[in-house]
Amino acid sequence: MEFKAKARFTRVAPQKARLVLDLIKGRRVEEALTTLSFTKKRIAPDIFQLLRSALENANYMIQEKGLDVDVDRLYVKSAIANDGPRMKRIRPAPMGRAFRYQRRISHMEIVLAEKGAQNKQSLATVVGEEETAAPAKTAGKKKAPAKKKAAGKQKAAAR
């Protein structure tokens, strides 16, 4: 089971948000929260709040639907930051000119999953399959060697 939380229209460049999101990818939720609380980037508190929201979504789903999920085994499955709409702005320039620049906006998403859930599914498929399937061999098919191209100097000499 996966639990998601999204933060849209956050006024930070997606590249800067990805720097912090990469710190928490694949980590347990407790460890990710600790990492975010000590990170000195401006976006870290917003990502901390987003991760807490994903955790609360997991708690809500467990209580409401009676799911058998251990909150202590949750980890950050994916954390992405995509581009949002850009705000076009104008900055005064010398001699009465104006330079245009863009303020970037990002949409962030965090997905939590239980650590042991994938292992249980993969073990069930491995036990159910037979080991008779062998890799197929290519019978008698050989590639012809590639032809060499004539050099440009040889063409010029022939003219």
N, C-alpha and C. Protein backbone atom coordinates (compact mmCIF):
# COMPACT_ATOMS: atom_id res chain seq x y z
N MET A 1 0.84 -1.18 0.00
CA MET A 1 0.00 0.00 0.00
C MET A 1 0.88 1.24 0.00
N GLU A 2 0.51 2.23 -0.80
CA GLU A 2 1.26 3.47 -0.89
C GLU A 2 0.43 4.63 -0.35
N PHE A 3 1.10 5.57 0.27
CA PHE A 3 0.45 6.75 0.83
C PHE A 3 1.13 7.98 0.25
N LYS A 4 0.33 8.90 -0.29
CA LYS A 4 0.88 10.06 -1.00
C LYS A 4 0.52 11.37 -0.30
N ALA A 5 1.34 12.36 -0.57
CA ALA A 5 1.05 13.74 -0.18
C ALA A 5 1.65 14.64 -1.25
N LYS A 6 0.90 15.68 -1.63
CA LYS A 6 1.35 16.60 -2.67
C LYS A 6 1.34 18.03 -2.16
N ALA A 7 2.32 18.79 -2.59
CA ALA A 7 2.36 20.23 -2.33
C ALA A 7 2.53 20.90 -3.68
N ARG A 8 1.52 21.68 -4.06
CA ARG A 8 1.56 22.30 -5.38
C ARG A 8 1.76 23.80 -5.25
N PHE A 9 2.34 24.38 -6.28
CA PHE A 9 2.57 25.82 -6.39
C PHE A 9 3.45 26.34 -5.25
N THR A 10 4.50 25.60 -4.93
CA THR A 10 5.46 26.03 -3.92
C THR A 10 6.47 26.95 -4.60
N ARG A 11 6.70 28.11 -4.01
CA ARG A 11 7.57 29.10 -4.65
C ARG A 11 9.03 28.83 -4.36
N VAL A 12 9.52 27.79 -5.01
CA VAL A 12 10.93 27.45 -4.97
C VAL A 12 11.25 26.77 -6.31
N ALA A 13 12.46 26.93 -6.78
CA ALA A 13 12.84 26.28 -8.03
C ALA A 13 12.88 24.76 -7.82
N PRO A 14 12.40 24.00 -8.78
CA PRO A 14 12.38 22.54 -8.63
C PRO A 14 13.78 21.95 -8.40
N GLN A 15 14.79 22.54 -9.01
CA GLN A 15 16.15 22.05 -8.84
C GLN A 15 16.59 22.17 -7.38
N LYS A 16 16.22 23.25 -6.73
CA LYS A 16 16.58 23.44 -5.32
C LYS A 16 15.80 22.48 -4.43
N ALA A 17 14.55 22.23 -4.78
CA ALA A 17 13.75 21.28 -4.00
C ALA A 17 14.29 19.86 -4.15
N ARG A 18 14.75 19.52 -5.35
CA ARG A 18 15.29 18.17 -5.58
C ARG A 18 16.54 17.90 -4.74
N LEU A 19 17.32 18.93 -4.46
CA LEU A 19 18.52 18.76 -3.63
C LEU A 19 18.14 18.21 -2.26
N VAL A 20 17.05 18.71 -1.69
CA VAL A 20 16.62 18.27 -0.36
C VAL A 20 15.86 16.95 -0.46
N LEU A 21 15.05 16.79 -1.50
CA LEU A 21 14.28 15.55 -1.66
C LEU A 21 15.20 14.35 -1.88
N ASP A 22 16.32 14.56 -2.54
CA ASP A 22 17.27 13.46 -2.75
C ASP A 22 17.90 12.98 -1.44
N LEU A 23 17.92 13.86 -0.43
CA LEU A 23 18.48 13.46 0.86
C LEU A 23 17.61 12.42 1.57
N ILE A 24 16.29 12.44 1.29
CA ILE A 24 15.39 11.57 2.05
C ILE A 24 14.88 10.37 1.26
N LYS A 25 15.19 10.28 -0.02
CA LYS A 25 14.70 9.15 -0.83
C LYS A 25 15.24 7.84 -0.29
N GLY A 26 14.36 6.87 -0.11
CA GLY A 26 14.77 5.54 0.32
C GLY A 26 15.00 5.40 1.82
N ARG A 27 14.85 6.46 2.58
CA ARG A 27 15.07 6.39 4.02
C ARG A 27 13.78 6.09 4.76
N ARG A 28 13.93 5.57 5.99
CA ARG A 28 12.77 5.38 6.85
C ARG A 28 12.20 6.75 7.22
N VAL A 29 10.93 6.80 7.55
CA VAL A 29 10.25 8.07 7.80
C VAL A 29 10.87 8.81 8.98
N GLU A 30 11.16 8.10 10.06
CA GLU A 30 11.76 8.75 11.24
C GLU A 30 13.11 9.36 10.88
N GLU A 31 13.90 8.62 10.15
CA GLU A 31 15.23 9.10 9.76
C GLU A 31 15.11 10.30 8.81
N ALA A 32 14.13 10.26 7.91
CA ALA A 32 13.93 11.36 6.98
C ALA A 32 13.47 12.63 7.71
N LEU A 33 12.60 12.48 8.70
CA LEU A 33 12.15 13.64 9.48
C LEU A 33 13.31 14.27 10.24
N THR A 34 14.17 13.43 10.79
CA THR A 34 15.36 13.94 11.51
C THR A 34 16.28 14.67 10.56
N THR A 35 16.50 14.10 9.37
CA THR A 35 17.37 14.73 8.37
C THR A 35 16.82 16.09 7.96
N LEU A 36 15.52 16.15 7.75
CA LEU A 36 14.92 17.42 7.32
C LEU A 36 14.96 18.48 8.42
N SER A 37 14.85 18.05 9.66
CA SER A 37 14.86 19.04 10.75
C SER A 37 16.23 19.69 10.92
N PHE A 38 17.30 19.02 10.47
CA PHE A 38 18.65 19.59 10.59
C PHE A 38 19.21 20.11 9.27
N THR A 39 18.41 20.10 8.21
CA THR A 39 18.87 20.61 6.93
C THR A 39 18.67 22.12 6.89
N LYS A 40 19.68 22.84 6.40
CA LYS A 40 19.65 24.30 6.46
C LYS A 40 19.15 24.96 5.18
N LYS A 41 18.51 24.23 4.31
CA LYS A 41 17.94 24.83 3.10
C LYS A 41 16.58 25.46 3.43
N ARG A 42 16.20 26.50 2.67
CA ARG A 42 14.96 27.22 2.94
C ARG A 42 13.72 26.37 2.72
N ILE A 43 13.81 25.39 1.81
CA ILE A 43 12.66 24.55 1.47
C ILE A 43 12.48 23.39 2.45
N ALA A 44 13.46 23.12 3.28
CA ALA A 44 13.41 21.96 4.19
C ALA A 44 12.19 21.95 5.11
N PRO A 45 11.78 23.06 5.73
CA PRO A 45 10.57 23.02 6.56
C PRO A 45 9.30 22.67 5.78
N ASP A 46 9.22 23.14 4.52
CA ASP A 46 8.06 22.80 3.70
C ASP A 46 8.02 21.31 3.37
N ILE A 47 9.17 20.74 3.09
CA ILE A 47 9.25 19.31 2.80
C ILE A 47 8.99 18.50 4.07
N PHE A 48 9.45 19.01 5.20
CA PHE A 48 9.16 18.37 6.49
C PHE A 48 7.65 18.29 6.71
N GLN A 49 6.96 19.39 6.44
CA GLN A 49 5.50 19.44 6.59
C GLN A 49 4.82 18.49 5.60
N LEU A 50 5.35 18.39 4.39
CA LEU A 50 4.79 17.49 3.38
C LEU A 50 4.96 16.03 3.80
N LEU A 51 6.12 15.70 4.35
CA LEU A 51 6.37 14.33 4.82
C LEU A 51 5.47 13.99 5.99
N ARG A 52 5.27 14.94 6.90
CA ARG A 52 4.34 14.72 8.01
C ARG A 52 2.92 14.51 7.50
N SER A 53 2.55 15.23 6.45
CA SER A 53 1.22 15.06 5.86
C SER A 53 1.05 13.67 5.27
N ALA A 54 2.08 13.16 4.59
CA ALA A 54 2.02 11.81 4.03
C ALA A 54 1.91 10.78 5.15
N LEU A 55 2.62 11.00 6.25
CA LEU A 55 2.55 10.10 7.40
C LEU A 55 1.15 10.13 8.03
N GLU A 56 0.56 11.32 8.14
CA GLU A 56 -0.79 11.42 8.69
C GLU A 56 -1.82 10.79 7.75
N ASN A 57 -1.58 10.89 6.44
CA ASN A 57 -2.46 10.21 5.49
C ASN A 57 -2.41 8.70 5.70
N ALA A 58 -1.21 8.18 5.98
CA ALA A 58 -1.06 6.75 6.25
C ALA A 58 -1.80 6.37 7.53
N ASN A 59 -1.65 7.17 8.58
CA ASN A 59 -2.36 6.89 9.84
C ASN A 59 -3.87 6.92 9.64
N TYR A 60 -4.35 7.88 8.88
CA TYR A 60 -5.79 7.99 8.64
C TYR A 60 -6.31 6.76 7.89
N MET A 61 -5.59 6.36 6.85
CA MET A 61 -6.03 5.20 6.06
C MET A 61 -6.01 3.92 6.88
N ILE A 62 -5.02 3.78 7.75
CA ILE A 62 -4.92 2.59 8.60
C ILE A 62 -6.11 2.54 9.56
N GLN A 63 -6.47 3.67 10.16
CA GLN A 63 -7.57 3.71 11.12
C GLN A 63 -8.93 3.56 10.44
N GLU A 64 -9.13 4.24 9.32
CA GLU A 64 -10.43 4.25 8.67
C GLU A 64 -10.73 2.94 7.94
N LYS A 65 -9.74 2.42 7.23
CA LYS A 65 -9.99 1.23 6.42
C LYS A 65 -9.51 -0.06 7.08
N GLY A 66 -8.91 0.05 8.24
CA GLY A 66 -8.46 -1.13 8.97
C GLY A 66 -7.34 -1.88 8.26
N LEU A 67 -6.43 -1.16 7.62
CA LEU A 67 -5.32 -1.79 6.92
C LEU A 67 -4.30 -2.33 7.91
N ASP A 68 -3.62 -3.38 7.52
CA ASP A 68 -2.59 -3.99 8.36
C ASP A 68 -1.22 -3.46 7.91
N VAL A 69 -0.92 -2.22 8.31
CA VAL A 69 0.33 -1.57 7.94
C VAL A 69 1.02 -1.09 9.20
N ASP A 70 2.31 -1.40 9.31
CA ASP A 70 3.10 -0.96 10.46
C ASP A 70 3.73 0.39 10.12
N VAL A 71 3.38 1.43 10.86
CA VAL A 71 3.86 2.78 10.58
C VAL A 71 5.37 2.88 10.77
N ASP A 72 5.93 2.07 11.67
CA ASP A 72 7.37 2.12 11.92
C ASP A 72 8.17 1.55 10.75
N ARG A 73 7.53 0.80 9.86
CA ARG A 73 8.24 0.20 8.72
C ARG A 73 8.06 1.00 7.44
N LEU A 74 7.44 2.17 7.52
CA LEU A 74 7.25 3.00 6.33
C LEU A 74 8.56 3.67 5.93
N TYR A 75 8.77 3.78 4.62
CA TYR A 75 9.93 4.48 4.10
C TYR A 75 9.51 5.36 2.94
N VAL A 76 10.38 6.28 2.53
CA VAL A 76 10.08 7.20 1.45
C VAL A 76 10.38 6.48 0.13
N LYS A 77 9.33 6.06 -0.55
CA LYS A 77 9.49 5.31 -1.79
C LYS A 77 9.93 6.23 -2.92
N SER A 78 9.27 7.37 -3.05
CA SER A 78 9.69 8.34 -4.06
C SER A 78 9.41 9.75 -3.56
N ALA A 79 10.24 10.66 -3.99
CA ALA A 79 10.09 12.08 -3.64
C ALA A 79 10.51 12.86 -4.87
N ILE A 80 9.54 13.53 -5.51
CA ILE A 80 9.84 14.22 -6.76
C ILE A 80 9.39 15.67 -6.68
N ALA A 81 10.06 16.49 -7.48
CA ALA A 81 9.69 17.90 -7.62
C ALA A 81 9.64 18.21 -9.11
N ASN A 82 8.47 18.57 -9.59
CA ASN A 82 8.27 18.90 -11.00
C ASN A 82 8.06 20.40 -11.17
N ASP A 83 8.19 20.85 -12.43
CA ASP A 83 7.96 22.25 -12.76
C ASP A 83 6.49 22.62 -12.63
N GLY A 84 6.25 23.80 -12.14
CA GLY A 84 4.93 24.37 -12.15
C GLY A 84 4.93 25.53 -13.14
N PRO A 85 3.89 26.33 -13.14
CA PRO A 85 3.89 27.49 -14.05
C PRO A 85 4.93 28.51 -13.60
N ARG A 86 5.48 29.20 -14.56
CA ARG A 86 6.51 30.19 -14.24
C ARG A 86 5.89 31.59 -14.23
N MET A 87 6.36 32.40 -13.31
CA MET A 87 5.89 33.77 -13.24
C MET A 87 6.89 34.65 -13.98
N LYS A 88 6.41 35.41 -14.96
CA LYS A 88 7.28 36.29 -15.73
C LYS A 88 7.36 37.64 -15.01
N ARG A 89 8.58 38.09 -14.79
CA ARG A 89 8.81 39.34 -14.10
C ARG A 89 9.78 40.20 -14.91
N ILE A 90 9.79 41.50 -14.59
CA ILE A 90 10.67 42.43 -15.31
C ILE A 90 11.56 43.14 -14.30
N ARG A 91 12.85 43.23 -14.64
CA ARG A 91 13.83 43.90 -13.79
C ARG A 91 14.35 45.13 -14.54
N PRO A 92 14.43 46.27 -13.89
CA PRO A 92 14.97 47.45 -14.56
C PRO A 92 16.43 47.23 -14.97
N ALA A 93 16.78 47.74 -16.13
CA ALA A 93 18.13 47.60 -16.66
C ALA A 93 18.67 48.99 -17.01
N PRO A 94 19.93 49.10 -17.30
CA PRO A 94 20.50 50.42 -17.61
C PRO A 94 19.89 51.06 -18.86
N MET A 95 19.92 52.37 -18.92
CA MET A 95 19.48 53.17 -20.05
C MET A 95 17.99 52.97 -20.36
N GLY A 96 17.18 52.78 -19.32
CA GLY A 96 15.76 52.69 -19.51
C GLY A 96 15.26 51.37 -20.07
N ARG A 97 16.11 50.40 -20.17
CA ARG A 97 15.70 49.09 -20.69
C ARG A 97 15.09 48.26 -19.57
N ALA A 98 14.54 47.11 -19.96
CA ALA A 98 13.96 46.18 -18.99
C ALA A 98 14.38 44.77 -19.36
N PHE A 99 14.85 44.02 -18.37
CA PHE A 99 15.22 42.62 -18.58
C PHE A 99 14.13 41.74 -18.00
N ARG A 100 13.77 40.69 -18.74
CA ARG A 100 12.75 39.74 -18.25
C ARG A 100 13.44 38.59 -17.56
N TYR A 101 12.83 38.10 -16.51
CA TYR A 101 13.29 36.90 -15.84
C TYR A 101 12.09 36.12 -15.36
N GLN A 102 12.33 34.86 -14.97
CA GLN A 102 11.22 33.98 -14.59
C GLN A 102 11.42 33.49 -13.16
N ARG A 103 10.34 33.53 -12.41
CA ARG A 103 10.34 32.94 -11.06
C ARG A 103 9.73 31.56 -11.18
N ARG A 104 10.48 30.56 -10.75
CA ARG A 104 10.03 29.19 -10.93
C ARG A 104 9.18 28.73 -9.75
N ILE A 105 8.26 27.84 -10.06
CA ILE A 105 7.35 27.25 -9.08
C ILE A 105 7.44 25.74 -9.22
N SER A 106 7.30 25.02 -8.11
CA SER A 106 7.42 23.56 -8.19
C SER A 106 6.21 22.87 -7.58
N HIS A 107 5.94 21.68 -8.10
CA HIS A 107 4.94 20.78 -7.55
C HIS A 107 5.71 19.60 -6.96
N MET A 108 5.56 19.35 -5.67
CA MET A 108 6.30 18.27 -5.00
C MET A 108 5.34 17.16 -4.60
N GLU A 109 5.86 15.93 -4.62
CA GLU A 109 5.06 14.77 -4.24
C GLU A 109 5.94 13.78 -3.49
N ILE A 110 5.43 13.26 -2.38
CA ILE A 110 6.13 12.25 -1.59
C ILE A 110 5.24 11.02 -1.50
N VAL A 111 5.82 9.85 -1.75
CA VAL A 111 5.11 8.58 -1.67
C VAL A 111 5.78 7.71 -0.62
N LEU A 112 4.98 7.24 0.34
CA LEU A 112 5.47 6.33 1.38
C LEU A 112 4.97 4.92 1.10
N ALA A 113 5.78 3.93 1.46
CA ALA A 113 5.37 2.53 1.31
C ALA A 113 5.96 1.74 2.47
N GLU A 114 5.41 0.55 2.70
CA GLU A 114 5.90 -0.31 3.76
C GLU A 114 7.11 -1.10 3.25
N LYS A 115 8.11 -1.25 4.10
CA LYS A 115 9.37 -1.85 3.70
C LYS A 115 9.23 -3.30 3.27
N GLY A 116 8.50 -4.13 4.00
CA GLY A 116 8.44 -5.56 3.71
C GLY A 116 7.39 -5.95 2.70
N ALA A 117 6.57 -5.03 2.22
CA ALA A 117 5.45 -5.38 1.34
C ALA A 117 5.92 -5.90 -0.01
N GLN A 118 6.97 -5.34 -0.56
CA GLN A 118 7.47 -5.77 -1.86
C GLN A 118 8.12 -7.14 -1.77
N ASN A 119 8.83 -7.41 -0.68
CA ASN A 119 9.50 -8.69 -0.52
C ASN A 119 8.51 -9.84 -0.45
N LYS A 120 7.37 -9.65 0.22
CA LYS A 120 6.36 -10.70 0.34
C LYS A 120 5.80 -11.05 -1.03
N GLN A 121 5.54 -10.06 -1.86
CA GLN A 121 4.98 -10.31 -3.18
C GLN A 121 5.99 -11.01 -4.07
N SER A 122 7.24 -10.58 -4.04
CA SER A 122 8.23 -11.20 -4.91
C SER A 122 8.52 -12.63 -4.49
N LEU A 123 8.49 -12.94 -3.18
CA LEU A 123 8.69 -14.31 -2.74
C LEU A 123 7.53 -15.21 -3.18
N ALA A 124 6.32 -14.69 -3.17
CA ALA A 124 5.18 -15.49 -3.59
C ALA A 124 5.26 -15.84 -5.07
N THR A 125 5.75 -14.93 -5.89
CA THR A 125 5.85 -15.22 -7.31
C THR A 125 6.99 -16.18 -7.60
N VAL A 126 8.09 -16.10 -6.85
CA VAL A 126 9.23 -16.99 -7.08
C VAL A 126 8.88 -18.42 -6.66
N VAL A 127 8.19 -18.58 -5.55
CA VAL A 127 7.83 -19.91 -5.07
C VAL A 127 6.82 -20.55 -6.03
N GLY A 128 5.92 -19.79 -6.60
CA GLY A 128 4.89 -20.32 -7.48
C GLY A 128 5.40 -20.70 -8.86
N GLU A 129 6.53 -20.14 -9.30
CA GLU A 129 7.05 -20.42 -10.63
C GLU A 129 7.92 -21.67 -10.62
N GLU A 130 7.97 -22.33 -11.76
CA GLU A 130 8.84 -23.49 -11.89
C GLU A 130 10.18 -23.03 -12.44
N GLU A 131 11.20 -23.80 -12.18
CA GLU A 131 12.54 -23.42 -12.63
C GLU A 131 12.89 -24.10 -13.95
N THR A 132 11.91 -24.54 -14.72
CA THR A 132 12.19 -25.21 -15.98
C THR A 132 12.47 -24.24 -17.10
N ALA A 133 12.12 -23.00 -16.92
CA ALA A 133 12.35 -22.02 -17.98
C ALA A 133 13.83 -21.71 -18.09
N ALA A 134 14.40 -22.04 -19.25
CA ALA A 134 15.82 -21.78 -19.50
C ALA A 134 15.92 -20.65 -20.51
N PRO A 135 17.03 -19.92 -20.50
CA PRO A 135 17.19 -18.84 -21.47
C PRO A 135 17.24 -19.40 -22.89
N ALA A 136 16.55 -18.75 -23.81
CA ALA A 136 16.50 -19.21 -25.20
C ALA A 136 17.81 -18.89 -25.89
N LYS A 137 18.27 -19.83 -26.73
CA LYS A 137 19.51 -19.64 -27.48
C LYS A 137 19.16 -19.27 -28.91
N THR A 138 19.98 -18.43 -29.50
CA THR A 138 19.79 -18.11 -30.90
C THR A 138 20.51 -19.16 -31.71
N ALA A 139 19.78 -19.85 -32.56
CA ALA A 139 20.34 -20.98 -33.30
C ALA A 139 20.81 -20.54 -34.67
N GLY A 140 22.12 -20.57 -34.89
CA GLY A 140 22.70 -20.38 -36.22
C GLY A 140 22.60 -18.98 -36.79
N LYS A 141 22.27 -18.00 -36.04
CA LYS A 141 22.17 -16.63 -36.56
C LYS A 141 23.46 -15.89 -36.23
N LYS A 142 24.17 -15.50 -37.27
CA LYS A 142 25.39 -14.73 -37.08
C LYS A 142 25.26 -13.41 -37.82
N LYS A 143 25.82 -12.40 -37.27
CA LYS A 143 25.79 -11.10 -37.91
C LYS A 143 26.93 -11.00 -38.92
N ALA A 144 26.62 -10.35 -40.03
CA ALA A 144 27.67 -10.11 -41.02
C ALA A 144 28.51 -8.94 -40.53
N PRO A 145 29.83 -8.98 -40.82
CA PRO A 145 30.67 -7.86 -40.37
C PRO A 145 30.28 -6.58 -41.10
N ALA A 146 30.39 -5.46 -40.40
CA ALA A 146 30.02 -4.17 -40.96
C ALA A 146 31.01 -3.76 -42.05
N LYS A 147 30.48 -3.14 -43.12
CA LYS A 147 31.34 -2.69 -44.22
C LYS A 147 32.00 -1.39 -43.83
N LYS A 148 33.24 -1.24 -44.27
CA LYS A 148 33.99 -0.03 -43.97
C LYS A 148 33.66 1.04 -45.00
N LYS A 149 33.59 2.26 -44.54
CA LYS A 149 33.32 3.37 -45.45
C LYS A 149 34.65 3.86 -46.04
N ALA A 150 34.58 4.28 -47.27
CA ALA A 150 35.78 4.79 -47.94
C ALA A 150 36.14 6.14 -47.32
N ALA A 151 37.41 6.37 -47.15
CA ALA A 151 37.88 7.62 -46.56
C ALA A 151 37.72 8.75 -47.55
N GLY A 152 37.59 9.98 -47.08
CA GLY A 152 37.39 11.15 -47.93
C GLY A 152 38.58 11.43 -48.82
N LYS A 153 39.80 11.12 -48.37
CA LYS A 153 41.01 11.37 -49.16
C LYS A 153 41.05 10.47 -50.38
N GLN A 154 40.59 9.22 -50.25
CA GLN A 154 40.60 8.30 -51.36
C GLN A 154 39.63 8.76 -52.44
N LYS A 155 38.49 9.33 -52.06
CA LYS A 155 37.52 9.83 -53.02
C LYS A 155 38.10 11.02 -53.78
N ALA A 156 38.80 11.92 -53.04
CA ALA A 156 39.37 13.09 -53.66
C ALA A 156 40.46 12.70 -54.65
N ALA A 157 41.25 11.65 -54.36
CA ALA A 157 42.34 11.21 -55.24
C ALA A 157 41.77 10.57 -56.51
N ALA A 158 40.61 9.95 -56.40
CA ALA A 158 40.00 9.27 -57.55
C ALA A 158 39.45 10.28 -58.55
N ARG A 159 39.16 11.48 -58.18
CA ARG A 159 38.60 12.50 -59.07
C ARG A 159 39.65 13.06 -59.90
